[in-house]
Amino acid sequence: MSALTQHPYLDHPGPIPFAHRGGASDGLENTAAAFRRAAALGYRYFETDVHATADGRLVAFHDATLDRVTDARGRIVDLPWSQVRRARVAGREPLPLFEELLEEFPEARWNVDVKAAPALVPLVGLIRRTGCWDRVCVGSFSERRAAGAARLAGPRLATSYGVRGVLGLRLRGYGIPAPVRRGAVCVQVPRAQNGVPVVDERFVRTAHARGLKVHVWTVNEADGMAALLDLGVDGIMTDQLDTLRAVFTARGLWC
């Protein structure tokens, strides 16, 4: 599927509001409880991350280690699922398997950040086995992992650019013929990096000219959300679910 063809994952009337990690502001990021709250607020696009355990189970979790947000310790890739499943986020919520989230929220669409190479093959295998091609977009900071997902799955899978692809797109906006991967359907970027703006009118125009949607993370202030919508971005990821919903509602974009 070419970038100029609308992927079914992007079938949404207007800019997409994403619940980043289910809405991470309450400390229960990437838990079923967080995604339930997002769904109750009317969100249907969720952002999450995946890591593979030592025995190949795909966990929805951001960090490589359990240390920061759970009552357990250790690197997920070094631990079996039987041990990881005992960890509790904020001391109370279990870590979900991504497969469990797909089952619990059958109407939701998922933006999935592949955090480490061992998660790539299990993720593509899960998507293939469940047939949820229209419900998942795979991205990564690593262009190698994002491209690897596209290579393993083919054009049925929606993918976004990694850092190298974003840089190439940025350079092309200035007329520099940098290489960019074909086949991605969107570009997902921070509003700024190290104080340097990433998303501006030129960047959005360049992406749109290639048929790419622009999704921006992680935006938690109403003024920033409004400014991005004025630029014509196609999606915003936030931890502050009520704020983003209010901004979208005020503009008649919430649906």
Foldseek 3Di string as FASTA:
>chain_A
DFLQDDALLLPADFFAEEAEQLQPPVQQGVFPVSVVVLVVVPHQEYEFEWDAACVGFIWGDDDQWPPPFWPDTDGRNDHDPVVQQVIAGNHHTGIDGVLVVCVVRVRHAYEYEYEDDSNQVSVLVSCVVVVPLSRYEYEYLDQVSQVVNCVVNPLSHAYEGHVQQLVCLVVVLVVDNRDHDTRHNAYEEECADPPHGSDDLSSCVSQVVSSYAYEYDDDEDLVVLVVVVVSPHRYYYYSNSVSNQVSCVVVVNRD
